[in-house]
Amino acid sequence: MSKMSMLLDLIAAQREQMKVILALLIMSGLLLALSAAFVEPGDQAYPILIIDIVLVVVAFIFFSSAYWYCTKRAMDD
């Protein structure tokens, strides 16, 4: 068994926890959208807001694609 296959097996075993992570990321995105309404580009909190948005979007893309792959893999087996 290759290391990549072992890694994919470990990720696929955590498919149920990915639903919780995705829900938390969606809530974080909604809260960031709410706070973005009150932060303007000149504020001190603006760079932190941008970094948080990037982190939430990247994490959401990673976990949603991993969940999709794990679901597809489970359906193929």
N, C-alpha and C. Protein backbone atom coordinates (compact mmCIF):
# COMPACT_ATOMS: atom_id res chain seq x y z
N MET A 1 0.84 -1.17 0.00
CA MET A 1 0.00 0.00 0.00
C MET A 1 0.89 1.24 0.00
N SER A 2 0.64 2.13 -0.94
CA SER A 2 1.48 3.32 -1.04
C SER A 2 1.08 4.34 0.02
N LYS A 3 1.95 5.30 0.21
CA LYS A 3 1.69 6.34 1.22
C LYS A 3 0.50 7.20 0.82
N MET A 4 0.34 7.45 -0.48
CA MET A 4 -0.79 8.26 -0.93
C MET A 4 -2.11 7.54 -0.70
N SER A 5 -2.12 6.25 -0.95
CA SER A 5 -3.34 5.46 -0.72
C SER A 5 -3.67 5.41 0.77
N MET A 6 -2.66 5.30 1.60
CA MET A 6 -2.87 5.28 3.04
C MET A 6 -3.41 6.64 3.52
N LEU A 7 -2.87 7.72 2.98
CA LEU A 7 -3.34 9.05 3.32
C LEU A 7 -4.80 9.25 2.90
N LEU A 8 -5.15 8.79 1.71
CA LEU A 8 -6.53 8.91 1.23
C LEU A 8 -7.47 8.06 2.08
N ASP A 9 -7.03 6.91 2.54
CA ASP A 9 -7.85 6.09 3.44
C ASP A 9 -8.10 6.80 4.77
N LEU A 10 -7.07 7.47 5.29
CA LEU A 10 -7.23 8.21 6.55
C LEU A 10 -8.18 9.39 6.38
N ILE A 11 -8.09 10.06 5.26
CA ILE A 11 -9.00 11.19 5.00
C ILE A 11 -10.42 10.69 4.81
N ALA A 12 -10.58 9.59 4.08
CA ALA A 12 -11.92 9.04 3.83
C ALA A 12 -12.58 8.55 5.11
N ALA A 13 -11.80 8.14 6.08
CA ALA A 13 -12.36 7.67 7.34
C ALA A 13 -12.96 8.82 8.16
N GLN A 14 -12.59 10.05 7.83
CA GLN A 14 -13.08 11.22 8.57
C GLN A 14 -14.20 11.95 7.83
N ARG A 15 -14.91 11.25 6.97
CA ARG A 15 -15.93 11.89 6.15
C ARG A 15 -17.06 12.49 6.98
N GLU A 16 -17.47 11.83 8.03
CA GLU A 16 -18.56 12.36 8.85
C GLU A 16 -18.15 13.63 9.59
N GLN A 17 -16.88 13.74 9.99
CA GLN A 17 -16.41 14.94 10.68
C GLN A 17 -16.30 16.11 9.71
N MET A 18 -16.16 15.81 8.43
CA MET A 18 -16.06 16.89 7.44
C MET A 18 -17.36 17.67 7.34
N LYS A 19 -18.49 17.02 7.59
CA LYS A 19 -19.77 17.73 7.58
C LYS A 19 -19.79 18.81 8.65
N VAL A 20 -19.27 18.48 9.83
CA VAL A 20 -19.23 19.44 10.93
C VAL A 20 -18.28 20.59 10.58
N ILE A 21 -17.14 20.26 10.02
CA ILE A 21 -16.16 21.28 9.64
C ILE A 21 -16.75 22.20 8.58
N LEU A 22 -17.44 21.62 7.60
CA LEU A 22 -18.06 22.44 6.56
C LEU A 22 -19.14 23.36 7.14
N ALA A 23 -19.91 22.85 8.08
CA ALA A 23 -20.93 23.70 8.72
C ALA A 23 -20.27 24.85 9.49
N LEU A 24 -19.18 24.56 10.18
CA LEU A 24 -18.47 25.62 10.91
C LEU A 24 -17.86 26.64 9.96
N LEU A 25 -17.36 26.18 8.82
CA LEU A 25 -16.80 27.11 7.84
C LEU A 25 -17.88 27.99 7.22
N ILE A 26 -19.06 27.42 6.99
CA ILE A 26 -20.16 28.22 6.46
C ILE A 26 -20.57 29.29 7.47
N MET A 27 -20.67 28.90 8.73
CA MET A 27 -21.00 29.88 9.77
C MET A 27 -19.92 30.95 9.90
N SER A 28 -18.68 30.55 9.80
CA SER A 28 -17.59 31.52 9.85
C SER A 28 -17.67 32.49 8.67
N GLY A 29 -18.00 31.97 7.51
CA GLY A 29 -18.16 32.83 6.34
C GLY A 29 -19.31 33.82 6.50
N LEU A 30 -20.41 33.36 7.08
CA LEU A 30 -21.53 34.26 7.32
C LEU A 30 -21.18 35.35 8.34
N LEU A 31 -20.48 34.97 9.39
CA LEU A 31 -20.05 35.96 10.37
C LEU A 31 -19.03 36.94 9.79
N LEU A 32 -18.16 36.45 8.91
CA LEU A 32 -17.21 37.35 8.25
C LEU A 32 -17.94 38.31 7.31
N ALA A 33 -18.98 37.82 6.65
CA ALA A 33 -19.76 38.70 5.77
C ALA A 33 -20.46 39.78 6.59
N LEU A 34 -20.94 39.41 7.77
CA LEU A 34 -21.57 40.39 8.64
C LEU A 34 -20.56 41.43 9.12
N SER A 35 -19.38 40.98 9.49
CA SER A 35 -18.37 41.93 9.97
C SER A 35 -17.80 42.75 8.83
N ALA A 36 -17.83 42.24 7.60
CA ALA A 36 -17.33 43.00 6.46
C ALA A 36 -18.20 44.22 6.19
N ALA A 37 -19.45 44.17 6.62
CA ALA A 37 -20.34 45.31 6.43
C ALA A 37 -19.94 46.49 7.32
N PHE A 38 -19.21 46.23 8.38
CA PHE A 38 -18.85 47.28 9.32
C PHE A 38 -17.38 47.70 9.24
N VAL A 39 -16.58 46.99 8.45
CA VAL A 39 -15.15 47.30 8.34
C VAL A 39 -14.90 47.95 6.98
N GLU A 40 -14.20 49.05 7.00
CA GLU A 40 -13.87 49.76 5.76
C GLU A 40 -12.38 49.57 5.45
N PRO A 41 -11.98 49.77 4.19
CA PRO A 41 -10.58 49.54 3.81
C PRO A 41 -9.54 50.32 4.61
N GLY A 42 -9.87 51.43 5.21
CA GLY A 42 -8.88 52.20 5.98
C GLY A 42 -8.73 51.76 7.42
N ASP A 43 -9.60 50.89 7.90
CA ASP A 43 -9.57 50.48 9.30
C ASP A 43 -8.39 49.56 9.59
N GLN A 44 -8.03 49.47 10.87
CA GLN A 44 -6.94 48.59 11.27
C GLN A 44 -7.32 47.12 11.15
N ALA A 45 -8.60 46.82 11.27
CA ALA A 45 -9.05 45.42 11.21
C ALA A 45 -9.20 44.91 9.78
N TYR A 46 -9.07 45.77 8.80
CA TYR A 46 -9.28 45.36 7.41
C TYR A 46 -8.31 44.27 6.93
N PRO A 47 -6.99 44.38 7.20
CA PRO A 47 -6.10 43.30 6.76
C PRO A 47 -6.42 41.95 7.42
N ILE A 48 -6.82 41.98 8.67
CA ILE A 48 -7.19 40.75 9.36
C ILE A 48 -8.44 40.15 8.74
N LEU A 49 -9.39 41.00 8.37
CA LEU A 49 -10.60 40.54 7.73
C LEU A 49 -10.29 39.86 6.40
N ILE A 50 -9.41 40.45 5.62
CA ILE A 50 -9.03 39.87 4.32
C ILE A 50 -8.34 38.52 4.53
N ILE A 51 -7.43 38.44 5.49
CA ILE A 51 -6.74 37.17 5.77
C ILE A 51 -7.73 36.11 6.22
N ASP A 52 -8.67 36.49 7.07
CA ASP A 52 -9.69 35.54 7.53
C ASP A 52 -10.57 35.05 6.38
N ILE A 53 -10.95 35.94 5.50
CA ILE A 53 -11.77 35.54 4.35
C ILE A 53 -11.01 34.57 3.47
N VAL A 54 -9.75 34.85 3.22
CA VAL A 54 -8.94 33.94 2.39
C VAL A 54 -8.82 32.58 3.05
N LEU A 55 -8.55 32.55 4.35
CA LEU A 55 -8.41 31.27 5.06
C LEU A 55 -9.71 30.47 5.05
N VAL A 56 -10.83 31.13 5.27
CA VAL A 56 -12.11 30.43 5.28
C VAL A 56 -12.44 29.90 3.88
N VAL A 57 -12.20 30.68 2.85
CA VAL A 57 -12.50 30.23 1.49
C VAL A 57 -11.61 29.06 1.10
N VAL A 58 -10.32 29.15 1.39
CA VAL A 58 -9.40 28.05 1.05
C VAL A 58 -9.76 26.79 1.82
N ALA A 59 -10.06 26.91 3.10
CA ALA A 59 -10.44 25.74 3.90
C ALA A 59 -11.75 25.15 3.40
N PHE A 60 -12.72 26.00 3.02
CA PHE A 60 -13.99 25.50 2.51
C PHE A 60 -13.78 24.75 1.20
N ILE A 61 -12.95 25.28 0.32
CA ILE A 61 -12.67 24.59 -0.95
C ILE A 61 -11.99 23.26 -0.70
N PHE A 62 -11.01 23.24 0.21
CA PHE A 62 -10.30 21.99 0.50
C PHE A 62 -11.24 20.94 1.08
N PHE A 63 -12.00 21.31 2.12
CA PHE A 63 -12.85 20.32 2.77
C PHE A 63 -14.04 19.91 1.93
N SER A 64 -14.58 20.81 1.14
CA SER A 64 -15.70 20.41 0.28
C SER A 64 -15.22 19.49 -0.84
N SER A 65 -14.04 19.74 -1.40
CA SER A 65 -13.53 18.83 -2.43
C SER A 65 -13.11 17.50 -1.81
N ALA A 66 -12.57 17.52 -0.61
CA ALA A 66 -12.22 16.26 0.06
C ALA A 66 -13.47 15.46 0.39
N TYR A 67 -14.53 16.14 0.84
CA TYR A 67 -15.79 15.44 1.13
C TYR A 67 -16.40 14.86 -0.14
N TRP A 68 -16.35 15.63 -1.23
CA TRP A 68 -16.86 15.15 -2.51
C TRP A 68 -16.08 13.91 -2.96
N TYR A 69 -14.75 13.97 -2.85
CA TYR A 69 -13.93 12.84 -3.26
C TYR A 69 -14.21 11.61 -2.40
N CYS A 70 -14.34 11.79 -1.09
CA CYS A 70 -14.60 10.67 -0.19
C CYS A 70 -15.96 10.05 -0.47
N THR A 71 -16.95 10.89 -0.76
CA THR A 71 -18.28 10.37 -1.08
C THR A 71 -18.25 9.61 -2.39
N LYS A 72 -17.57 10.16 -3.38
CA LYS A 72 -17.45 9.48 -4.68
C LYS A 72 -16.71 8.16 -4.51
N ARG A 73 -15.69 8.17 -3.71
CA ARG A 73 -14.89 6.95 -3.48
C ARG A 73 -15.73 5.88 -2.76
N ALA A 74 -16.55 6.31 -1.80
CA ALA A 74 -17.40 5.36 -1.08
C ALA A 74 -18.48 4.78 -2.00
N MET A 75 -18.97 5.57 -2.92
CA MET A 75 -19.98 5.08 -3.85
C MET A 75 -19.39 4.11 -4.86
N ASP A 76 -18.13 4.29 -5.21
CA ASP A 76 -17.47 3.40 -6.17
C ASP A 76 -17.15 2.04 -5.55
N ASP A 77 -16.95 2.00 -4.24
CA ASP A 77 -16.60 0.73 -3.57
C ASP A 77 -17.78 -0.17 -3.38
